Protein backbone atom coordinates (compact mmCIF):
# COMPACT_ATOMS: atom_id res chain seq x y z
CA UNK A 1 -51.41 -28.03 128.65
CA UNK A 2 -51.89 -27.69 124.92
CA UNK A 3 -50.61 -24.78 122.83
CA UNK A 4 -51.99 -24.91 119.34
CA UNK A 5 -51.43 -28.44 118.10
CA UNK A 6 -48.40 -29.25 120.25
CA UNK A 7 -48.19 -30.31 123.86
CA UNK A 8 -46.20 -28.43 126.47
CA UNK A 9 -44.41 -30.19 129.32
CA UNK A 10 -45.33 -28.87 132.77
CA UNK A 11 -42.87 -28.76 135.66
CA UNK A 12 -43.39 -27.78 139.30
CA UNK A 13 -42.47 -24.17 139.98
CA UNK A 14 -40.21 -25.43 142.79
CA UNK A 15 -37.97 -27.08 140.17
CA UNK A 16 -36.91 -23.57 139.07
CA UNK A 17 -35.80 -22.58 142.58
CA UNK A 18 -32.88 -23.39 144.85
CA UNK A 19 -33.56 -25.28 148.09
CA UNK A 20 -33.45 -22.12 150.28
CA UNK A 21 -35.74 -20.29 147.80
CA UNK A 22 -38.26 -23.13 148.01
CA UNK A 23 -38.60 -22.48 151.74
CA UNK A 24 -38.82 -18.72 151.20
CA UNK A 25 -41.62 -18.89 148.60
CA UNK A 26 -43.61 -21.30 150.78
CA UNK A 27 -44.59 -18.12 152.67
CA UNK A 28 -45.71 -16.37 149.45
CA UNK A 29 -49.22 -16.43 148.05
CA UNK A 30 -47.88 -15.74 144.54
CA UNK A 31 -44.56 -15.68 142.70
CA UNK A 32 -44.04 -13.50 139.61
CA UNK A 33 -43.25 -15.59 136.51
CA UNK A 34 -42.67 -14.98 132.81
CA UNK A 35 -44.54 -17.58 130.79
CA UNK A 36 -44.47 -17.36 127.00
CA UNK A 37 -43.35 -13.71 127.21
CA UNK A 38 -46.14 -12.61 129.58
CA UNK A 39 -45.92 -11.92 133.31
CA UNK A 40 -48.16 -13.92 135.64
CA UNK A 41 -48.68 -14.35 139.37
CA UNK A 42 -48.40 -18.06 140.11
CA UNK A 43 -48.96 -19.99 143.33
CA UNK A 44 -45.69 -21.51 144.65
CA UNK A 45 -47.36 -24.95 144.46
CA UNK A 46 -48.47 -24.71 140.81
CA UNK A 47 -46.98 -26.36 137.75
CA UNK A 48 -45.72 -24.12 134.93
CA UNK A 49 -44.71 -24.75 131.32
CA UNK A 50 -41.10 -25.80 130.84
CA UNK A 51 -39.04 -22.77 129.85
CA UNK A 52 -40.87 -20.40 132.20
CA UNK A 53 -38.72 -17.91 134.10
CA UNK A 54 -38.96 -16.76 137.72
CA UNK A 55 -38.77 -12.94 137.94
CA UNK A 56 -35.97 -11.85 140.27
CA UNK A 57 -34.75 -8.56 141.72
CA UNK A 58 -31.76 -7.23 139.72
CA UNK A 59 -29.73 -6.20 142.76
CA UNK A 60 -30.25 -9.07 145.17
CA UNK A 61 -31.32 -11.84 142.78
CA UNK A 62 -34.16 -12.75 145.12
CA UNK A 63 -37.52 -14.03 143.93
CA UNK A 64 -40.27 -11.42 143.53
CA UNK A 65 -43.71 -12.33 144.82
CA UNK A 66 -46.60 -11.44 147.09
CA UNK A 67 -46.23 -12.61 150.70
């Protein structure tokens, strides 16, 4: 992925999750992510730019997505 004139390192979305969360999101079609300040729906099997953030519920801390 190229942003402007610099390259951005991509990492698997699963690298941002704990082991139990990886099994949970395998049932999701999409996971909500913040990438470069914008919210996106991303497949659990996609690669995202390093520094992306998984959106979580404030109370429970669980991942937010679409099952």
